[in-house]
């Protein structure tokens, strides 16, 4: 049972990370997103979960973030331009 909960948590983390990246790469929004905007758009009520996902993605070089905003890295943007990131 413990293994299942870790597996489903990991799947949830991956879904959230994908959702964050897709939000940051949207063409119809400013490249910089506030944490509040991300929480609203992703319908998340747990700031610590969002914070953890942002930290993991930053550590991997996928995005940058500060106290005020998050943004897609140049590498992520380039991969998106090449059509390698899709839904």
PDB file of N, CA and C in Angstrom:
ATOM      1  N   UNK A   1       0.831  -1.193   0.000  1.00  0.00           N
ATOM      2  CA  UNK A   1       0.000   0.000   0.000  1.00  0.00           C
ATOM      3  C   UNK A   1       0.868   1.247   0.000  1.00  0.00           C
ATOM      4  N   UNK A   2       1.937   1.256   0.747  1.00  0.00           N
ATOM      5  CA  UNK A   2       2.837   2.397   0.791  1.00  0.00           C
ATOM      6  C   UNK A   2       3.448   2.673  -0.571  1.00  0.00           C
ATOM      7  N   UNK A   3       3.783   1.614  -1.314  1.00  0.00           N
ATOM      8  CA  UNK A   3       4.355   1.760  -2.647  1.00  0.00           C
ATOM      9  C   UNK A   3       3.346   2.403  -3.583  1.00  0.00           C
ATOM     10  N   UNK A   4       2.079   1.996  -3.483  1.00  0.00           N
ATOM     11  CA  UNK A   4       1.052   2.573  -4.327  1.00  0.00           C
ATOM     12  C   UNK A   4       0.918   4.076  -4.099  1.00  0.00           C
ATOM     13  N   UNK A   5       0.922   4.503  -2.864  1.00  0.00           N
ATOM     14  CA  UNK A   5       0.748   5.923  -2.585  1.00  0.00           C
ATOM     15  C   UNK A   5       1.930   6.732  -3.119  1.00  0.00           C
ATOM     16  N   UNK A   6       3.141   6.173  -3.023  1.00  0.00           N
ATOM     17  CA  UNK A   6       4.305   6.865  -3.578  1.00  0.00           C
ATOM     18  C   UNK A   6       4.212   6.933  -5.094  1.00  0.00           C
ATOM     19  N   UNK A   7       3.744   5.853  -5.711  1.00  0.00           N
ATOM     20  CA  UNK A   7       3.587   5.826  -7.160  1.00  0.00           C
ATOM     21  C   UNK A   7       2.545   6.811  -7.632  1.00  0.00           C
ATOM     22  N   UNK A   8       1.422   6.882  -6.950  1.00  0.00           N
ATOM     23  CA  UNK A   8       0.382   7.819  -7.365  1.00  0.00           C
ATOM     24  C   UNK A   8       0.800   9.258  -7.073  1.00  0.00           C
ATOM     25  N   UNK A   9       1.585   9.471  -6.013  1.00  0.00           N
ATOM     26  CA  UNK A   9       2.090  10.816  -5.741  1.00  0.00           C
ATOM     27  C   UNK A   9       3.058  11.234  -6.848  1.00  0.00           C
ATOM     28  N   UNK A  10       3.921  10.320  -7.265  1.00  0.00           N
ATOM     29  CA  UNK A  10       4.870  10.620  -8.343  1.00  0.00           C
ATOM     30  C   UNK A  10       4.125  10.941  -9.635  1.00  0.00           C
ATOM     31  N   UNK A  11       3.061  10.202  -9.924  1.00  0.00           N
ATOM     32  CA  UNK A  11       2.262  10.473 -11.127  1.00  0.00           C
ATOM     33  C   UNK A  11       1.601  11.837 -11.018  1.00  0.00           C
ATOM     34  N   UNK A  12       1.100  12.174  -9.837  1.00  0.00           N
ATOM     35  CA  UNK A  12       0.498  13.491  -9.627  1.00  0.00           C
ATOM     36  C   UNK A  12       1.514  14.605  -9.769  1.00  0.00           C
ATOM     37  N   UNK A  13       2.733  14.369  -9.257  1.00  0.00           N
ATOM     38  CA  UNK A  13       3.809  15.352  -9.396  1.00  0.00           C
ATOM     39  C   UNK A  13       4.140  15.581 -10.865  1.00  0.00           C
ATOM     40  N   UNK A  14       4.238  14.502 -11.628  1.00  0.00           N
ATOM     41  CA  UNK A  14       4.560  14.613 -13.058  1.00  0.00           C
ATOM     42  C   UNK A  14       3.457  15.364 -13.803  1.00  0.00           C
ATOM     43  N   UNK A  15       2.198  15.091 -13.469  1.00  0.00           N
ATOM     44  CA  UNK A  15       1.079  15.813 -14.106  1.00  0.00           C
ATOM     45  C   UNK A  15       1.158  17.300 -13.805  1.00  0.00           C
ATOM     46  N   UNK A  16       1.432  17.634 -12.552  1.00  0.00           N
ATOM     47  CA  UNK A  16       1.534  19.040 -12.173  1.00  0.00           C
ATOM     48  C   UNK A  16       2.706  19.703 -12.892  1.00  0.00           C
ATOM     49  N   UNK A  17       3.835  19.029 -12.959  1.00  0.00           N
ATOM     50  CA  UNK A  17       4.998  19.592 -13.639  1.00  0.00           C
ATOM     51  C   UNK A  17       4.703  19.819 -15.118  1.00  0.00           C
ATOM     52  N   UNK A  18       4.044  18.863 -15.779  1.00  0.00           N
ATOM     53  CA  UNK A  18       3.666  19.050 -17.186  1.00  0.00           C
ATOM     54  C   UNK A  18       2.726  20.242 -17.333  1.00  0.00           C
ATOM     55  N   UNK A  19       1.759  20.350 -16.439  1.00  0.00           N
ATOM     56  CA  UNK A  19       0.792  21.450 -16.502  1.00  0.00           C
ATOM     57  C   UNK A  19       1.489  22.797 -16.320  1.00  0.00           C
ATOM     58  N   UNK A  20       2.439  22.865 -15.411  1.00  0.00           N
ATOM     59  CA  UNK A  20       3.184  24.111 -15.195  1.00  0.00           C
ATOM     60  C   UNK A  20       3.933  24.500 -16.461  1.00  0.00           C
ATOM     61  N   UNK A  21       4.645  23.555 -17.046  1.00  0.00           N
ATOM     62  CA  UNK A  21       5.423  23.844 -18.256  1.00  0.00           C
ATOM     63  C   UNK A  21       4.516  24.323 -19.379  1.00  0.00           C
ATOM     64  N   UNK A  22       3.400  23.633 -19.586  1.00  0.00           N
ATOM     65  CA  UNK A  22       2.482  24.043 -20.645  1.00  0.00           C
ATOM     66  C   UNK A  22       1.932  25.444 -20.400  1.00  0.00           C
ATOM     67  N   UNK A  23       1.658  25.791 -19.144  1.00  0.00           N
ATOM     68  CA  UNK A  23       1.192  27.148 -18.843  1.00  0.00           C
ATOM     69  C   UNK A  23       2.266  28.175 -19.181  1.00  0.00           C
ATOM     70  N   UNK A  24       3.497  27.886 -18.781  1.00  0.00           N
ATOM     71  CA  UNK A  24       4.581  28.841 -19.006  1.00  0.00           C
ATOM     72  C   UNK A  24       4.903  29.026 -20.479  1.00  0.00           C
ATOM     73  N   UNK A  25       4.550  28.075 -21.306  1.00  0.00           N
ATOM     74  CA  UNK A  25       4.843  28.153 -22.741  1.00  0.00           C
ATOM     75  C   UNK A  25       3.672  28.697 -23.562  1.00  0.00           C
ATOM     76  N   UNK A  26       2.584  29.050 -22.914  1.00  0.00           N
ATOM     77  CA  UNK A  26       1.421  29.569 -23.651  1.00  0.00           C
ATOM     78  C   UNK A  26       1.770  30.828 -24.421  1.00  0.00           C
ATOM     79  N   UNK A  27       1.228  30.918 -25.631  1.00  0.00           N
ATOM     80  CA  UNK A  27       1.456  32.100 -26.477  1.00  0.00           C
ATOM     81  C   UNK A  27       0.545  33.271 -26.123  1.00  0.00           C
ATOM     82  N   UNK A  28      -0.552  32.992 -25.431  1.00  0.00           N
ATOM     83  CA  UNK A  28      -1.536  34.033 -25.146  1.00  0.00           C
ATOM     84  C   UNK A  28      -1.373  34.652 -23.759  1.00  0.00           C
ATOM     85  N   UNK A  29      -0.185  34.527 -23.199  1.00  0.00           N
ATOM     86  CA  UNK A  29       0.072  35.074 -21.863  1.00  0.00           C
ATOM     87  C   UNK A  29       1.491  35.599 -21.818  1.00  0.00           C
ATOM     88  N   UNK A  30       1.717  36.576 -20.967  1.00  0.00           N
ATOM     89  CA  UNK A  30       3.056  37.084 -20.729  1.00  0.00           C
ATOM     90  C   UNK A  30       3.967  35.915 -20.336  1.00  0.00           C
ATOM     91  N   UNK A  31       5.237  35.902 -20.749  1.00  0.00           N
ATOM     92  CA  UNK A  31       6.133  34.791 -20.408  1.00  0.00           C
ATOM     93  C   UNK A  31       6.347  34.598 -18.903  1.00  0.00           C
ATOM     94  N   UNK A  32       6.174  35.653 -18.130  1.00  0.00           N
ATOM     95  CA  UNK A  32       6.344  35.572 -16.674  1.00  0.00           C
ATOM     96  C   UNK A  32       4.972  35.364 -16.027  1.00  0.00           C
ATOM     97  N   UNK A  33       4.906  34.353 -15.171  1.00  0.00           N
ATOM     98  CA  UNK A  33       3.676  34.042 -14.450  1.00  0.00           C
ATOM     99  C   UNK A  33       3.924  34.214 -12.957  1.00  0.00           C
ATOM    100  N   UNK A  34       3.017  34.894 -12.282  1.00  0.00           N
ATOM    101  CA  UNK A  34       3.122  34.959 -10.822  1.00  0.00           C
ATOM    102  C   UNK A  34       2.685  33.610 -10.262  1.00  0.00           C
ATOM    103  N   UNK A  35       3.101  33.337  -9.049  1.00  0.00           N
ATOM    104  CA  UNK A  35       2.683  32.082  -8.416  1.00  0.00           C
ATOM    105  C   UNK A  35       1.172  32.047  -8.251  1.00  0.00           C
ATOM    106  N   UNK A  36       0.591  33.184  -7.937  1.00  0.00           N
ATOM    107  CA  UNK A  36      -0.864  33.263  -7.808  1.00  0.00           C
ATOM    108  C   UNK A  36      -1.569  32.943  -9.117  1.00  0.00           C
ATOM    109  N   UNK A  37      -1.035  33.454 -10.219  1.00  0.00           N
ATOM    110  CA  UNK A  37      -1.628  33.152 -11.524  1.00  0.00           C
ATOM    111  C   UNK A  37      -1.546  31.655 -11.818  1.00  0.00           C
ATOM    112  N   UNK A  38      -0.391  31.059 -11.529  1.00  0.00           N
ATOM    113  CA  UNK A  38      -0.246  29.619 -11.757  1.00  0.00           C
ATOM    114  C   UNK A  38      -1.217  28.832 -10.888  1.00  0.00           C
ATOM    115  N   UNK A  39      -1.332  29.199  -9.629  1.00  0.00           N
ATOM    116  CA  UNK A  39      -2.240  28.491  -8.725  1.00  0.00           C
ATOM    117  C   UNK A  39      -3.681  28.590  -9.224  1.00  0.00           C
ATOM    118  N   UNK A  40      -4.073  29.775  -9.682  1.00  0.00           N
ATOM    119  CA  UNK A  40      -5.437  29.968 -10.186  1.00  0.00           C
ATOM    120  C   UNK A  40      -5.659  29.156 -11.451  1.00  0.00           C
ATOM    121  N   UNK A  41      -4.744  29.269 -12.391  1.00  0.00           N
ATOM    122  CA  UNK A  41      -4.889  28.588 -13.681  1.00  0.00           C
ATOM    123  C   UNK A  41      -4.874  27.064 -13.519  1.00  0.00           C
ATOM    124  N   UNK A  42      -4.064  26.577 -12.594  1.00  0.00           N
ATOM    125  CA  UNK A  42      -3.948  25.131 -12.385  1.00  0.00           C
ATOM    126  C   UNK A  42      -4.945  24.619 -11.355  1.00  0.00           C
ATOM    127  N   UNK A  43      -5.764  25.526 -10.840  1.00  0.00           N
ATOM    128  CA  UNK A  43      -6.775  25.191  -9.833  1.00  0.00           C
ATOM    129  C   UNK A  43      -6.154  24.456  -8.651  1.00  0.00           C
ATOM    130  N   UNK A  44      -5.016  24.961  -8.215  1.00  0.00           N
ATOM    131  CA  UNK A  44      -4.288  24.361  -7.093  1.00  0.00           C
ATOM    132  C   UNK A  44      -4.525  25.197  -5.846  1.00  0.00           C
ATOM    133  N   UNK A  45      -4.766  24.521  -4.751  1.00  0.00           N
ATOM    134  CA  UNK A  45      -4.957  25.219  -3.484  1.00  0.00           C
ATOM    135  C   UNK A  45      -3.815  24.949  -2.522  1.00  0.00           C
ATOM    136  N   UNK A  46      -2.837  24.179  -2.943  1.00  0.00           N
ATOM    137  CA  UNK A  46      -1.727  23.816  -2.071  1.00  0.00           C
ATOM    138  C   UNK A  46      -0.449  24.474  -2.581  1.00  0.00           C
ATOM    139  N   UNK A  47      -0.105  25.597  -2.008  1.00  0.00           N
ATOM    140  CA  UNK A  47       1.073  26.328  -2.471  1.00  0.00           C
ATOM    141  C   UNK A  47       2.353  25.533  -2.266  1.00  0.00           C
ATOM    142  N   UNK A  48       2.406  24.695  -1.222  1.00  0.00           N
ATOM    143  CA  UNK A  48       3.626  23.919  -0.984  1.00  0.00           C
ATOM    144  C   UNK A  48       3.837  22.858  -2.068  1.00  0.00           C
ATOM    145  N   UNK A  49       2.764  22.328  -2.622  1.00  0.00           N
ATOM    146  CA  UNK A  49       2.874  21.346  -3.711  1.00  0.00           C
ATOM    147  C   UNK A  49       3.380  22.045  -4.970  1.00  0.00           C
ATOM    148  N   UNK A  50       2.814  23.212  -5.266  1.00  0.00           N
ATOM    149  CA  UNK A  50       3.266  23.998  -6.414  1.00  0.00           C
ATOM    150  C   UNK A  50       4.727  24.402  -6.231  1.00  0.00           C
ATOM    151  N   UNK A  51       5.073  24.829  -5.049  1.00  0.00           N
ATOM    152  CA  UNK A  51       6.455  25.231  -4.742  1.00  0.00           C
ATOM    153  C   UNK A  51       7.425  24.074  -4.986  1.00  0.00           C
ATOM    154  N   UNK A  52       7.065  22.879  -4.553  1.00  0.00           N
ATOM    155  CA  UNK A  52       7.911  21.707  -4.763  1.00  0.00           C
ATOM    156  C   UNK A  52       8.107  21.408  -6.239  1.00  0.00           C
ATOM    157  N   UNK A  53       7.038  21.503  -7.007  1.00  0.00           N
ATOM    158  CA  UNK A  53       7.132  21.253  -8.450  1.00  0.00           C
ATOM    159  C   UNK A  53       8.004  22.306  -9.120  1.00  0.00           C
ATOM    160  N   UNK A  54       7.844  23.570  -8.733  1.00  0.00           N
ATOM    161  CA  UNK A  54       8.676  24.635  -9.301  1.00  0.00           C
ATOM    162  C   UNK A  54      10.157  24.402  -8.985  1.00  0.00           C
ATOM    163  N   UNK A  55      10.439  24.005  -7.761  1.00  0.00           N
ATOM    164  CA  UNK A  55      11.832  23.735  -7.366  1.00  0.00           C
ATOM    165  C   UNK A  55      12.437  22.581  -8.166  1.00  0.00           C
ATOM    166  N   UNK A  56      11.661  21.503  -8.321  1.00  0.00           N
ATOM    167  CA  UNK A  56      12.173  20.361  -9.094  1.00  0.00           C
ATOM    168  C   UNK A  56      12.455  20.764 -10.532  1.00  0.00           C
ATOM    169  N   UNK A  57      11.536  21.503 -11.135  1.00  0.00           N
ATOM    170  CA  UNK A  57      11.718  21.920 -12.526  1.00  0.00           C
ATOM    171  C   UNK A  57      12.881  22.903 -12.671  1.00  0.00           C
ATOM    172  N   UNK A  58      13.068  23.750 -11.682  1.00  0.00           N
ATOM    173  CA  UNK A  58      14.208  24.672 -11.724  1.00  0.00           C
ATOM    174  C   UNK A  58      15.523  23.892 -11.611  1.00  0.00           C
ATOM    175  N   UNK A  59      15.575  22.930 -10.727  1.00  0.00           N
ATOM    176  CA  UNK A  59      16.787  22.133 -10.548  1.00  0.00           C
ATOM    177  C   UNK A  59      17.164  21.389 -11.821  1.00  0.00           C
ATOM    178  N   UNK A  60      16.178  21.041 -12.624  1.00  0.00           N
ATOM    179  CA  UNK A  60      16.425  20.333 -13.879  1.00  0.00           C
ATOM    180  C   UNK A  60      16.682  21.298 -15.046  1.00  0.00           C
ATOM    181  N   UNK A  61      16.578  22.595 -14.803  1.00  0.00           N
ATOM    182  CA  UNK A  61      16.843  23.573 -15.851  1.00  0.00           C
ATOM    183  C   UNK A  61      15.682  23.838 -16.792  1.00  0.00           C
ATOM    184  N   UNK A  62      14.484  23.421 -16.391  1.00  0.00           N
ATOM    185  CA  UNK A  62      13.312  23.580 -17.248  1.00  0.00           C
ATOM    186  C   UNK A  62      12.698  24.977 -17.122  1.00  0.00           C
ATOM    187  N   UNK A  63      12.829  25.570 -15.955  1.00  0.00           N
ATOM    188  CA  UNK A  63      12.263  26.899 -15.730  1.00  0.00           C
ATOM    189  C   UNK A  63      13.098  27.658 -14.721  1.00  0.00           C
ATOM    190  N   UNK A  64      12.801  28.926 -14.641  1.00  0.00           N
ATOM    191  CA  UNK A  64      13.377  29.770 -13.613  1.00  0.00           C
ATOM    192  C   UNK A  64      12.234  30.322 -12.776  1.00  0.00           C
ATOM    193  N   UNK A  65      12.515  30.652 -11.528  1.00  0.00           N
ATOM    194  CA  UNK A  65      11.477  31.297 -10.721  1.00  0.00           C
ATOM    195  C   UNK A  65      12.108  32.086  -9.594  1.00  0.00           C
ATOM    196  N   UNK A  66      11.339  33.058  -9.157  1.00  0.00           N
ATOM    197  CA  UNK A  66      11.742  33.919  -8.061  1.00  0.00           C
ATOM    198  C   UNK A  66      10.546  34.044  -7.121  1.00  0.00           C
ATOM    199  N   UNK A  67      10.659  34.911  -6.150  1.00  0.00           N
ATOM    200  CA  UNK A  67       9.526  35.136  -5.240  1.00  0.00           C
ATOM    201  C   UNK A  67       8.308  35.651  -6.005  1.00  0.00           C
ATOM    202  N   UNK A  68       8.547  36.416  -7.058  1.00  0.00           N
ATOM    203  CA  UNK A  68       7.453  37.065  -7.776  1.00  0.00           C
ATOM    204  C   UNK A  68       6.902  36.276  -8.954  1.00  0.00           C
ATOM    205  N   UNK A  69       7.757  35.518  -9.660  1.00  0.00           N
ATOM    206  CA  UNK A  69       7.304  34.944 -10.926  1.00  0.00           C
ATOM    207  C   UNK A  69       8.041  33.662 -11.284  1.00  0.00           C
ATOM    208  N   UNK A  70       7.463  32.966 -12.267  1.00  0.00           N
ATOM    209  CA  UNK A  70       8.093  31.785 -12.865  1.00  0.00           C
ATOM    210  C   UNK A  70       8.075  31.981 -14.369  1.00  0.00           C
ATOM    211  N   UNK A  71       9.052  31.391 -15.061  1.00  0.00           N
ATOM    212  CA  UNK A  71       9.157  31.525 -16.510  1.00  0.00           C
ATOM    213  C   UNK A  71       9.843  30.283 -17.072  1.00  0.00           C
ATOM    214  N   UNK A  72       9.534  29.966 -18.326  1.00  0.00           N
ATOM    215  CA  UNK A  72      10.157  28.826 -18.992  1.00  0.00           C
ATOM    216  C   UNK A  72      11.601  29.181 -19.333  1.00  0.00           C
ATOM    217  N   UNK A  73      12.486  28.192 -19.233  1.00  0.00           N
ATOM    218  CA  UNK A  73      13.895  28.417 -19.588  1.00  0.00           C
ATOM    219  C   UNK A  73      14.026  28.586 -21.099  1.00  0.00           C
ATOM    220  N   UNK A  74      15.156  29.111 -21.523  1.00  0.00           N
ATOM    221  CA  UNK A  74      15.417  29.253 -22.959  1.00  0.00           C
ATOM    222  C   UNK A  74      15.407  27.885 -23.633  1.00  0.00           C
ATOM    223  N   UNK A  75      15.945  26.877 -22.967  1.00  0.00           N
ATOM    224  CA  UNK A  75      15.969  25.525 -23.537  1.00  0.00           C
ATOM    225  C   UNK A  75      14.545  24.992 -23.735  1.00  0.00           C
ATOM    226  N   UNK A  76      13.681  25.189 -22.744  1.00  0.00           N
ATOM    227  CA  UNK A  76      12.300  24.725 -22.868  1.00  0.00           C
ATOM    228  C   UNK A  76      11.600  25.457 -24.004  1.00  0.00           C
ATOM    229  N   UNK A  77      11.825  26.758 -24.108  1.00  0.00           N
ATOM    230  CA  UNK A  77      11.214  27.533 -25.197  1.00  0.00           C
ATOM    231  C   UNK A  77      11.694  27.040 -26.563  1.00  0.00           C
ATOM    232  N   UNK A  78      12.983  26.738 -26.669  1.00  0.00           N
ATOM    233  CA  UNK A  78      13.533  26.260 -27.940  1.00  0.00           C
ATOM    234  C   UNK A  78      12.945  24.901 -28.311  1.00  0.00           C
ATOM    235  N   UNK A  79      12.835  24.009 -27.341  1.00  0.00           N
ATOM    236  CA  UNK A  79      12.223  22.709 -27.598  1.00  0.00           C
ATOM    237  C   UNK A  79      10.782  22.879 -28.066  1.00  0.00           C
ATOM    238  N   UNK A  80      10.075  23.836 -27.477  1.00  0.00           N
ATOM    239  CA  UNK A  80       8.703  24.119 -27.889  1.00  0.00           C
ATOM    240  C   UNK A  80       8.676  24.647 -29.325  1.00  0.00           C
ATOM    241  N   UNK A  81       9.593  25.556 -29.660  1.00  0.00           N
ATOM    242  CA  UNK A  81       9.680  26.088 -31.031  1.00  0.00           C
ATOM    243  C   UNK A  81       9.934  24.978 -32.045  1.00  0.00           C
ATOM    244  N   UNK A  82      10.707  23.979 -31.662  1.00  0.00           N
ATOM    245  CA  UNK A  82      11.015  22.858 -32.551  1.00  0.00           C
ATOM    246  C   UNK A  82       9.884  21.830 -32.617  1.00  0.00           C
ATOM    247  N   UNK A  83       8.819  22.073 -31.868  1.00  0.00           N
ATOM    248  CA  UNK A  83       7.680  21.179 -31.893  1.00  0.00           C
ATOM    249  C   UNK A  83       7.888  19.907 -31.092  1.00  0.00           C
ATOM    250  N   UNK A  84       8.828  19.926 -30.186  1.00  0.00           N
ATOM    251  CA  UNK A  84       9.117  18.736 -29.397  1.00  0.00           C
ATOM    252  C   UNK A  84       8.324  18.671 -28.102  1.00  0.00           C
ATOM    253  N   UNK A  85       7.609  19.738 -27.781  1.00  0.00           N
ATOM    254  CA  UNK A  85       6.758  19.751 -26.593  1.00  0.00           C
ATOM    255  C   UNK A  85       5.330  19.873 -27.095  1.00  0.00           C
ATOM    256  N   UNK A  86       4.497  18.934 -26.753  1.00  0.00           N
ATOM    257  CA  UNK A  86       3.116  18.963 -27.194  1.00  0.00           C
ATOM    258  C   UNK A  86       2.212  18.317 -26.180  1.00  0.00           C
ATOM    259  N   UNK A  87       0.944  18.474 -26.397  1.00  0.00           N
ATOM    260  CA  UNK A  87      -0.040  17.909 -25.478  1.00  0.00           C
ATOM    261  C   UNK A  87      -0.385  16.511 -25.922  1.00  0.00           C
TER     262      UNK A  87
END
